[in-house]
PDB file of N, CA and C in Angstrom:
ATOM      1  N   UNK A   1     -20.753-202.534  20.799  1.00  0.00           N
ATOM      2  CA  UNK A   1     -20.708-202.561  21.942  1.00  0.00           C
ATOM      3  C   UNK A   1     -19.818-202.172  22.311  1.00  0.00           C
ATOM      4  N   UNK A   2     -19.203-200.760  23.601  1.00  0.00           N
ATOM      5  CA  UNK A   2     -17.876-200.700  23.761  1.00  0.00           C
ATOM      6  C   UNK A   2     -17.916-201.186  25.020  1.00  0.00           C
ATOM      7  N   UNK A   3     -16.551-201.670  25.803  1.00  0.00           N
ATOM      8  CA  UNK A   3     -16.087-202.421  27.114  1.00  0.00           C
ATOM      9  C   UNK A   3     -16.524-201.258  27.746  1.00  0.00           C
ATOM     10  N   UNK A   4     -15.959-201.194  29.227  1.00  0.00           N
ATOM     11  CA  UNK A   4     -16.170-200.928  30.350  1.00  0.00           C
ATOM     12  C   UNK A   4     -14.803-199.601  30.296  1.00  0.00           C
ATOM     13  N   UNK A   5     -13.857-200.497  30.044  1.00  0.00           N
ATOM     14  CA  UNK A   5     -12.366-199.612  29.878  1.00  0.00           C
ATOM     15  C   UNK A   5     -12.907-198.112  28.670  1.00  0.00           C
ATOM     16  N   UNK A   6     -13.670-198.768  27.464  1.00  0.00           N
ATOM     17  CA  UNK A   6     -13.465-197.813  26.733  1.00  0.00           C
ATOM     18  C   UNK A   6     -13.964-196.653  27.100  1.00  0.00           C
ATOM     19  N   UNK A   7     -15.509-196.890  27.868  1.00  0.00           N
ATOM     20  CA  UNK A   7     -16.223-195.935  28.693  1.00  0.00           C
ATOM     21  C   UNK A   7     -15.634-195.245  29.406  1.00  0.00           C
ATOM     22  N   UNK A   8     -15.203-195.673  30.507  1.00  0.00           N
ATOM     23  CA  UNK A   8     -13.882-195.186  31.415  1.00  0.00           C
ATOM     24  C   UNK A   8     -12.999-193.860  30.687  1.00  0.00           C
ATOM     25  N   UNK A   9     -12.522-194.726  29.532  1.00  0.00           N
ATOM     26  CA  UNK A   9     -11.194-193.483  28.538  1.00  0.00           C
ATOM     27  C   UNK A   9     -12.090-192.333  28.108  1.00  0.00           C
ATOM     28  N   UNK A  10     -13.292-192.677  27.351  1.00  0.00           N
ATOM     29  CA  UNK A  10     -13.953-191.617  27.394  1.00  0.00           C
ATOM     30  C   UNK A  10     -14.390-190.907  28.503  1.00  0.00           C
ATOM     31  N   UNK A  11     -14.470-190.753  28.751  1.00  0.00           N
ATOM     32  CA  UNK A  11     -14.984-190.201  30.545  1.00  0.00           C
ATOM     33  C   UNK A  11     -13.977-189.322  30.743  1.00  0.00           C
ATOM     34  N   UNK A  12     -12.737-190.087  30.656  1.00  0.00           N
ATOM     35  CA  UNK A  12     -11.233-189.351  31.239  1.00  0.00           C
ATOM     36  C   UNK A  12     -11.155-188.200  30.310  1.00  0.00           C
ATOM     37  N   UNK A  13     -10.773-188.748  29.026  1.00  0.00           N
ATOM     38  CA  UNK A  13     -10.816-187.958  27.859  1.00  0.00           C
ATOM     39  C   UNK A  13     -11.391-186.455  28.240  1.00  0.00           C
ATOM     40  N   UNK A  14     -13.186-186.779  28.351  1.00  0.00           N
ATOM     41  CA  UNK A  14     -13.994-185.801  28.234  1.00  0.00           C
ATOM     42  C   UNK A  14     -13.685-184.809  29.532  1.00  0.00           C
ATOM     43  N   UNK A  15     -13.157-185.320  30.598  1.00  0.00           N
ATOM     44  CA  UNK A  15     -12.749-184.564  31.591  1.00  0.00           C
ATOM     45  C   UNK A  15     -11.595-183.635  31.291  1.00  0.00           C
ATOM     46  N   UNK A  16     -10.654-184.555  30.896  1.00  0.00           N
ATOM     47  CA  UNK A  16      -9.422-183.859  30.463  1.00  0.00           C
ATOM     48  C   UNK A  16      -9.338-183.016  29.705  1.00  0.00           C
ATOM     49  N   UNK A  17     -10.335-183.193  28.560  1.00  0.00           N
ATOM     50  CA  UNK A  17     -10.803-181.557  27.713  1.00  0.00           C
ATOM     51  C   UNK A  17     -11.433-180.468  28.293  1.00  0.00           C
ATOM     52  N   UNK A  18     -12.514-181.123  29.539  1.00  0.00           N
ATOM     53  CA  UNK A  18     -12.770-179.925  29.751  1.00  0.00           C
ATOM     54  C   UNK A  18     -12.252-179.215  30.730  1.00  0.00           C
ATOM     55  N   UNK A  19     -10.924-179.765  31.490  1.00  0.00           N
ATOM     56  CA  UNK A  19     -10.132-179.049  32.377  1.00  0.00           C
ATOM     57  C   UNK A  19      -9.299-177.951  31.203  1.00  0.00           C
ATOM     58  N   UNK A  20      -8.870-178.676  30.404  1.00  0.00           N
ATOM     59  CA  UNK A  20      -7.790-177.977  29.479  1.00  0.00           C
ATOM     60  C   UNK A  20      -8.790-176.614  28.522  1.00  0.00           C
ATOM     61  N   UNK A  21     -10.499-176.834  28.737  1.00  0.00           N
ATOM     62  CA  UNK A  21     -10.998-176.139  28.101  1.00  0.00           C
ATOM     63  C   UNK A  21     -11.176-175.009  28.893  1.00  0.00           C
ATOM     64  N   UNK A  22     -11.292-175.184  30.020  1.00  0.00           N
ATOM     65  CA  UNK A  22     -11.174-173.875  31.593  1.00  0.00           C
ATOM     66  C   UNK A  22     -10.041-172.692  31.668  1.00  0.00           C
ATOM     67  N   UNK A  23      -8.806-173.853  31.507  1.00  0.00           N
ATOM     68  CA  UNK A  23      -7.438-173.246  31.412  1.00  0.00           C
ATOM     69  C   UNK A  23      -7.587-171.866  30.212  1.00  0.00           C
ATOM     70  N   UNK A  24      -8.343-172.486  28.860  1.00  0.00           N
ATOM     71  CA  UNK A  24      -7.897-171.569  28.130  1.00  0.00           C
ATOM     72  C   UNK A  24      -8.821-170.703  27.896  1.00  0.00           C
ATOM     73  N   UNK A  25      -9.923-170.787  28.965  1.00  0.00           N
ATOM     74  CA  UNK A  25     -11.033-170.086  29.185  1.00  0.00           C
ATOM     75  C   UNK A  25     -10.574-169.005  29.858  1.00  0.00           C
ATOM     76  N   UNK A  26     -10.179-169.214  31.220  1.00  0.00           N
ATOM     77  CA  UNK A  26      -9.584-168.176  31.766  1.00  0.00           C
ATOM     78  C   UNK A  26      -8.270-167.229  31.823  1.00  0.00           C
ATOM     79  N   UNK A  27      -7.442-167.935  30.549  1.00  0.00           N
ATOM     80  CA  UNK A  27      -6.733-167.597  29.745  1.00  0.00           C
ATOM     81  C   UNK A  27      -7.251-166.701  29.427  1.00  0.00           C
ATOM     82  N   UNK A  28      -8.037-166.581  28.613  1.00  0.00           N
ATOM     83  CA  UNK A  28      -8.912-165.481  27.034  1.00  0.00           C
ATOM     84  C   UNK A  28      -9.649-164.360  28.074  1.00  0.00           C
ATOM     85  N   UNK A  29     -10.147-164.915  29.246  1.00  0.00           N
ATOM     86  CA  UNK A  29     -10.479-163.519  30.243  1.00  0.00           C
ATOM     87  C   UNK A  29      -9.605-162.813  30.368  1.00  0.00           C
ATOM     88  N   UNK A  30      -8.409-163.083  30.881  1.00  0.00           N
ATOM     89  CA  UNK A  30      -7.104-162.313  31.388  1.00  0.00           C
ATOM     90  C   UNK A  30      -6.597-161.766  30.284  1.00  0.00           C
ATOM     91  N   UNK A  31      -6.227-162.065  29.181  1.00  0.00           N
ATOM     92  CA  UNK A  31      -6.052-161.411  28.036  1.00  0.00           C
ATOM     93  C   UNK A  31      -6.679-160.529  27.994  1.00  0.00           C
ATOM     94  N   UNK A  32      -7.762-160.686  27.828  1.00  0.00           N
ATOM     95  CA  UNK A  32      -8.630-159.211  27.454  1.00  0.00           C
ATOM     96  C   UNK A  32      -9.315-158.246  27.820  1.00  0.00           C
ATOM     97  N   UNK A  33      -8.978-158.957  29.217  1.00  0.00           N
ATOM     98  CA  UNK A  33      -8.373-157.658  30.751  1.00  0.00           C
ATOM     99  C   UNK A  33      -7.832-156.570  30.758  1.00  0.00           C
ATOM    100  N   UNK A  34      -6.329-157.483  29.996  1.00  0.00           N
ATOM    101  CA  UNK A  34      -5.472-156.114  29.719  1.00  0.00           C
ATOM    102  C   UNK A  34      -6.039-156.398  28.867  1.00  0.00           C
ATOM    103  N   UNK A  35      -6.086-155.983  27.835  1.00  0.00           N
ATOM    104  CA  UNK A  35      -6.685-154.812  27.442  1.00  0.00           C
ATOM    105  C   UNK A  35      -6.283-155.658  25.207  1.00  0.00           C
ATOM    106  N   UNK A  36      -6.383-156.751  25.414  1.00  0.00           N
ATOM    107  CA  UNK A  36      -6.052-157.102  24.040  1.00  0.00           C
ATOM    108  C   UNK A  36      -7.523-157.810  23.406  1.00  0.00           C
ATOM    109  N   UNK A  37      -7.823-158.121  22.168  1.00  0.00           N
ATOM    110  CA  UNK A  37      -8.474-157.866  21.098  1.00  0.00           C
ATOM    111  C   UNK A  37      -8.582-159.699  21.594  1.00  0.00           C
ATOM    112  N   UNK A  38     -10.087-159.861  21.459  1.00  0.00           N
ATOM    113  CA  UNK A  38     -10.455-161.254  21.172  1.00  0.00           C
ATOM    114  C   UNK A  38      -9.604-162.100  19.998  1.00  0.00           C
ATOM    115  N   UNK A  39      -9.448-161.619  19.362  1.00  0.00           N
ATOM    116  CA  UNK A  39      -9.326-162.279  17.790  1.00  0.00           C
ATOM    117  C   UNK A  39      -8.349-162.467  17.850  1.00  0.00           C
ATOM    118  N   UNK A  40      -7.161-161.801  18.354  1.00  0.00           N
ATOM    119  CA  UNK A  40      -5.952-161.293  18.751  1.00  0.00           C
ATOM    120  C   UNK A  40      -5.194-162.963  19.461  1.00  0.00           C
ATOM    121  N   UNK A  41      -6.242-162.862  21.032  1.00  0.00           N
ATOM    122  CA  UNK A  41      -5.767-163.977  21.881  1.00  0.00           C
ATOM    123  C   UNK A  41      -6.541-164.950  20.961  1.00  0.00           C
ATOM    124  N   UNK A  42      -7.045-165.247  20.327  1.00  0.00           N
ATOM    125  CA  UNK A  42      -7.523-166.780  20.267  1.00  0.00           C
ATOM    126  C   UNK A  42      -6.441-167.394  18.914  1.00  0.00           C
ATOM    127  N   UNK A  43      -5.587-166.503  18.325  1.00  0.00           N
ATOM    128  CA  UNK A  43      -4.985-166.982  17.707  1.00  0.00           C
ATOM    129  C   UNK A  43      -3.688-166.829  18.110  1.00  0.00           C
ATOM    130  N   UNK A  44      -3.362-166.620  19.652  1.00  0.00           N
ATOM    131  CA  UNK A  44      -2.193-167.612  20.615  1.00  0.00           C
ATOM    132  C   UNK A  44      -2.362-168.305  20.435  1.00  0.00           C
ATOM    133  N   UNK A  45      -0.362-168.479  20.049  1.00  0.00           N
ATOM    134  CA  UNK A  45      -0.225-170.872  19.808  1.00  0.00           C
ATOM    135  C   UNK A  45      -0.669-171.290  21.312  1.00  0.00           C
ATOM    136  N   UNK A  46      -0.901-170.562  22.724  1.00  0.00           N
ATOM    137  CA  UNK A  46      -1.727-170.963  23.705  1.00  0.00           C
ATOM    138  C   UNK A  46      -3.020-171.737  23.323  1.00  0.00           C
ATOM    139  N   UNK A  47      -3.682-170.805  23.107  1.00  0.00           N
ATOM    140  CA  UNK A  47      -5.258-171.451  22.648  1.00  0.00           C
ATOM    141  C   UNK A  47      -4.870-172.090  21.509  1.00  0.00           C
ATOM    142  N   UNK A  48      -4.519-172.008  20.376  1.00  0.00           N
ATOM    143  CA  UNK A  48      -4.533-173.167  19.163  1.00  0.00           C
ATOM    144  C   UNK A  48      -4.050-174.443  18.997  1.00  0.00           C
ATOM    145  N   UNK A  49      -2.983-174.471  19.917  1.00  0.00           N
ATOM    146  CA  UNK A  49      -2.129-175.802  20.337  1.00  0.00           C
ATOM    147  C   UNK A  49      -3.223-176.632  21.235  1.00  0.00           C
ATOM    148  N   UNK A  50      -3.548-176.239  21.748  1.00  0.00           N
ATOM    149  CA  UNK A  50      -4.234-176.661  22.581  1.00  0.00           C
ATOM    150  C   UNK A  50      -6.275-177.131  22.374  1.00  0.00           C
ATOM    151  N   UNK A  51      -6.482-176.502  21.731  1.00  0.00           N
ATOM    152  CA  UNK A  51      -7.813-176.291  21.433  1.00  0.00           C
ATOM    153  C   UNK A  51      -8.080-176.408  19.856  1.00  0.00           C
ATOM    154  N   UNK A  52      -9.338-177.581  19.770  1.00  0.00           N
ATOM    155  CA  UNK A  52     -10.156-177.987  17.989  1.00  0.00           C
ATOM    156  C   UNK A  52     -10.200-176.337  17.619  1.00  0.00           C
ATOM    157  N   UNK A  53     -10.880-175.804  16.845  1.00  0.00           N
ATOM    158  CA  UNK A  53     -11.757-175.073  16.123  1.00  0.00           C
ATOM    159  C   UNK A  53     -13.552-175.105  17.075  1.00  0.00           C
ATOM    160  N   UNK A  54     -13.826-175.899  16.391  1.00  0.00           N
ATOM    161  CA  UNK A  54     -14.737-176.520  17.550  1.00  0.00           C
ATOM    162  C   UNK A  54     -15.265-176.526  19.281  1.00  0.00           C
ATOM    163  N   UNK A  55     -13.871-176.710  19.579  1.00  0.00           N
ATOM    164  CA  UNK A  55     -13.708-176.610  21.401  1.00  0.00           C
ATOM    165  C   UNK A  55     -13.226-174.772  21.249  1.00  0.00           C
ATOM    166  N   UNK A  56     -12.568-174.567  20.492  1.00  0.00           N
ATOM    167  CA  UNK A  56     -12.660-172.692  20.076  1.00  0.00           C
ATOM    168  C   UNK A  56     -14.056-171.707  20.639  1.00  0.00           C
ATOM    169  N   UNK A  57     -15.116-172.455  19.937  1.00  0.00           N
ATOM    170  CA  UNK A  57     -16.194-171.919  19.060  1.00  0.00           C
ATOM    171  C   UNK A  57     -16.848-171.986  20.653  1.00  0.00           C
ATOM    172  N   UNK A  58     -16.658-173.213  21.709  1.00  0.00           N
ATOM    173  CA  UNK A  58     -17.215-172.938  22.586  1.00  0.00           C
ATOM    174  C   UNK A  58     -16.555-172.161  23.913  1.00  0.00           C
ATOM    175  N   UNK A  59     -15.560-172.078  23.274  1.00  0.00           N
ATOM    176  CA  UNK A  59     -14.659-171.468  24.318  1.00  0.00           C
ATOM    177  C   UNK A  59     -15.619-170.014  24.280  1.00  0.00           C
ATOM    178  N   UNK A  60     -16.035-169.410  23.482  1.00  0.00           N
ATOM    179  CA  UNK A  60     -16.463-167.920  22.723  1.00  0.00           C
ATOM    180  C   UNK A  60     -17.723-168.234  23.063  1.00  0.00           C
ATOM    181  N   UNK A  61     -18.516-168.884  23.302  1.00  0.00           N
ATOM    182  CA  UNK A  61     -19.655-169.003  23.998  1.00  0.00           C
ATOM    183  C   UNK A  61     -20.289-169.283  25.829  1.00  0.00           C
ATOM    184  N   UNK A  62     -18.856-169.131  26.448  1.00  0.00           N
ATOM    185  CA  UNK A  62     -18.623-169.308  27.639  1.00  0.00           C
ATOM    186  C   UNK A  62     -19.309-167.374  28.026  1.00  0.00           C
ATOM    187  N   UNK A  63     -20.294-167.971  28.874  1.00  0.00           N
ATOM    188  CA  UNK A  63     -20.986-166.483  30.092  1.00  0.00           C
ATOM    189  C   UNK A  63     -19.644-165.818  30.842  1.00  0.00           C
ATOM    190  N   UNK A  64     -18.201-166.660  31.084  1.00  0.00           N
ATOM    191  CA  UNK A  64     -17.798-165.615  31.337  1.00  0.00           C
ATOM    192  C   UNK A  64     -16.467-164.653  30.300  1.00  0.00           C
ATOM    193  N   UNK A  65     -16.586-165.336  29.380  1.00  0.00           N
ATOM    194  CA  UNK A  65     -15.521-164.900  28.004  1.00  0.00           C
ATOM    195  C   UNK A  65     -16.822-163.605  27.330  1.00  0.00           C
ATOM    196  N   UNK A  66     -18.281-163.856  27.658  1.00  0.00           N
ATOM    197  CA  UNK A  66     -19.200-162.850  27.064  1.00  0.00           C
ATOM    198  C   UNK A  66     -18.690-161.851  27.930  1.00  0.00           C
ATOM    199  N   UNK A  67     -18.927-161.665  29.083  1.00  0.00           N
ATOM    200  CA  UNK A  67     -19.170-161.091  30.011  1.00  0.00           C
ATOM    201  C   UNK A  67     -17.746-160.664  30.592  1.00  0.00           C
ATOM    202  N   UNK A  68     -16.408-160.905  29.771  1.00  0.00           N
ATOM    203  CA  UNK A  68     -14.620-159.806  29.566  1.00  0.00           C
ATOM    204  C   UNK A  68     -15.364-159.209  28.667  1.00  0.00           C
ATOM    205  N   UNK A  69     -15.876-159.774  27.645  1.00  0.00           N
ATOM    206  CA  UNK A  69     -15.928-159.130  26.322  1.00  0.00           C
ATOM    207  C   UNK A  69     -16.717-157.442  26.567  1.00  0.00           C
ATOM    208  N   UNK A  70     -18.264-157.805  26.985  1.00  0.00           N
ATOM    209  CA  UNK A  70     -19.072-156.942  27.421  1.00  0.00           C
ATOM    210  C   UNK A  70     -18.135-155.668  28.392  1.00  0.00           C
ATOM    211  N   UNK A  71     -17.517-156.165  29.505  1.00  0.00           N
ATOM    212  CA  UNK A  71     -16.514-155.092  29.934  1.00  0.00           C
ATOM    213  C   UNK A  71     -15.534-154.516  29.061  1.00  0.00           C
ATOM    214  N   UNK A  72     -14.686-154.928  28.403  1.00  0.00           N
ATOM    215  CA  UNK A  72     -14.020-154.429  27.407  1.00  0.00           C
ATOM    216  C   UNK A  72     -14.914-153.272  26.239  1.00  0.00           C
ATOM    217  N   UNK A  73     -16.074-153.568  25.941  1.00  0.00           N
ATOM    218  CA  UNK A  73     -17.250-152.586  25.188  1.00  0.00           C
ATOM    219  C   UNK A  73     -17.118-151.358  25.924  1.00  0.00           C
ATOM    220  N   UNK A  74     -17.695-151.805  27.109  1.00  0.00           N
ATOM    221  CA  UNK A  74     -18.447-150.930  28.221  1.00  0.00           C
ATOM    222  C   UNK A  74     -16.916-149.733  28.047  1.00  0.00           C
ATOM    223  N   UNK A  75     -15.983-150.176  28.580  1.00  0.00           N
ATOM    224  CA  UNK A  75     -14.582-149.345  29.131  1.00  0.00           C
ATOM    225  C   UNK A  75     -14.415-148.895  27.562  1.00  0.00           C
ATOM    226  N   UNK A  76     -14.817-149.569  26.477  1.00  0.00           N
ATOM    227  CA  UNK A  76     -14.084-148.188  25.119  1.00  0.00           C
ATOM    228  C   UNK A  76     -15.022-147.090  24.981  1.00  0.00           C
ATOM    229  N   UNK A  77     -15.929-147.293  25.412  1.00  0.00           N
ATOM    230  CA  UNK A  77     -17.385-146.515  25.403  1.00  0.00           C
ATOM    231  C   UNK A  77     -17.047-145.047  26.247  1.00  0.00           C
ATOM    232  N   UNK A  78     -16.465-145.541  27.374  1.00  0.00           N
ATOM    233  CA  UNK A  78     -16.017-144.445  28.243  1.00  0.00           C
ATOM    234  C   UNK A  78     -15.238-144.047  28.053  1.00  0.00           C
ATOM    235  N   UNK A  79     -14.365-144.979  27.561  1.00  0.00           N
ATOM    236  CA  UNK A  79     -12.793-143.586  26.526  1.00  0.00           C
ATOM    237  C   UNK A  79     -12.750-143.189  25.562  1.00  0.00           C
ATOM    238  N   UNK A  80     -14.035-143.681  24.908  1.00  0.00           N
ATOM    239  CA  UNK A  80     -14.028-143.481  23.422  1.00  0.00           C
ATOM    240  C   UNK A  80     -13.214-143.613  22.535  1.00  0.00           C
ATOM    241  N   UNK A  81     -12.590-145.296  23.317  1.00  0.00           N
ATOM    242  CA  UNK A  81     -11.391-145.678  21.981  1.00  0.00           C
ATOM    243  C   UNK A  81     -12.253-146.861  21.406  1.00  0.00           C
ATOM    244  N   UNK A  82     -12.847-146.948  19.913  1.00  0.00           N
ATOM    245  CA  UNK A  82     -12.880-148.326  19.647  1.00  0.00           C
ATOM    246  C   UNK A  82     -12.150-148.596  18.618  1.00  0.00           C
ATOM    247  N   UNK A  83     -11.090-148.659  18.974  1.00  0.00           N
ATOM    248  CA  UNK A  83     -10.136-149.470  17.838  1.00  0.00           C
ATOM    249  C   UNK A  83     -10.007-149.120  16.621  1.00  0.00           C
ATOM    250  N   UNK A  84     -10.370-147.602  16.482  1.00  0.00           N
ATOM    251  CA  UNK A  84     -10.545-148.300  14.507  1.00  0.00           C
ATOM    252  C   UNK A  84      -9.068-147.118  14.070  1.00  0.00           C
ATOM    253  N   UNK A  85      -8.640-146.445  15.098  1.00  0.00           N
ATOM    254  CA  UNK A  85      -7.567-145.793  14.877  1.00  0.00           C
ATOM    255  C   UNK A  85      -5.646-146.124  15.804  1.00  0.00           C
ATOM    256  N   UNK A  86      -4.935-146.304  14.881  1.00  0.00           N
ATOM    257  CA  UNK A  86      -3.528-146.276  15.765  1.00  0.00           C
ATOM    258  C   UNK A  86      -3.031-145.073  16.588  1.00  0.00           C
TER     259      UNK A  86
END
């Protein structure tokens, strides 16, 4: 059975992780809107040094990140720039 102190510590860890994840989500969205590819952004040290692979997967499922990717895809179709050629 866990003590109250352990439960409080776990709660605070969860809150700090959620805040950190939110900052990474904001970073990813900003970079995608700046025209960078998601795979490139996810390999940035800023992302890799802050989140585990599991948490990065969670970031990729965020509706705001998905929306940013949808915007990028729509813009690519409008410009007919699909990123296949350099």
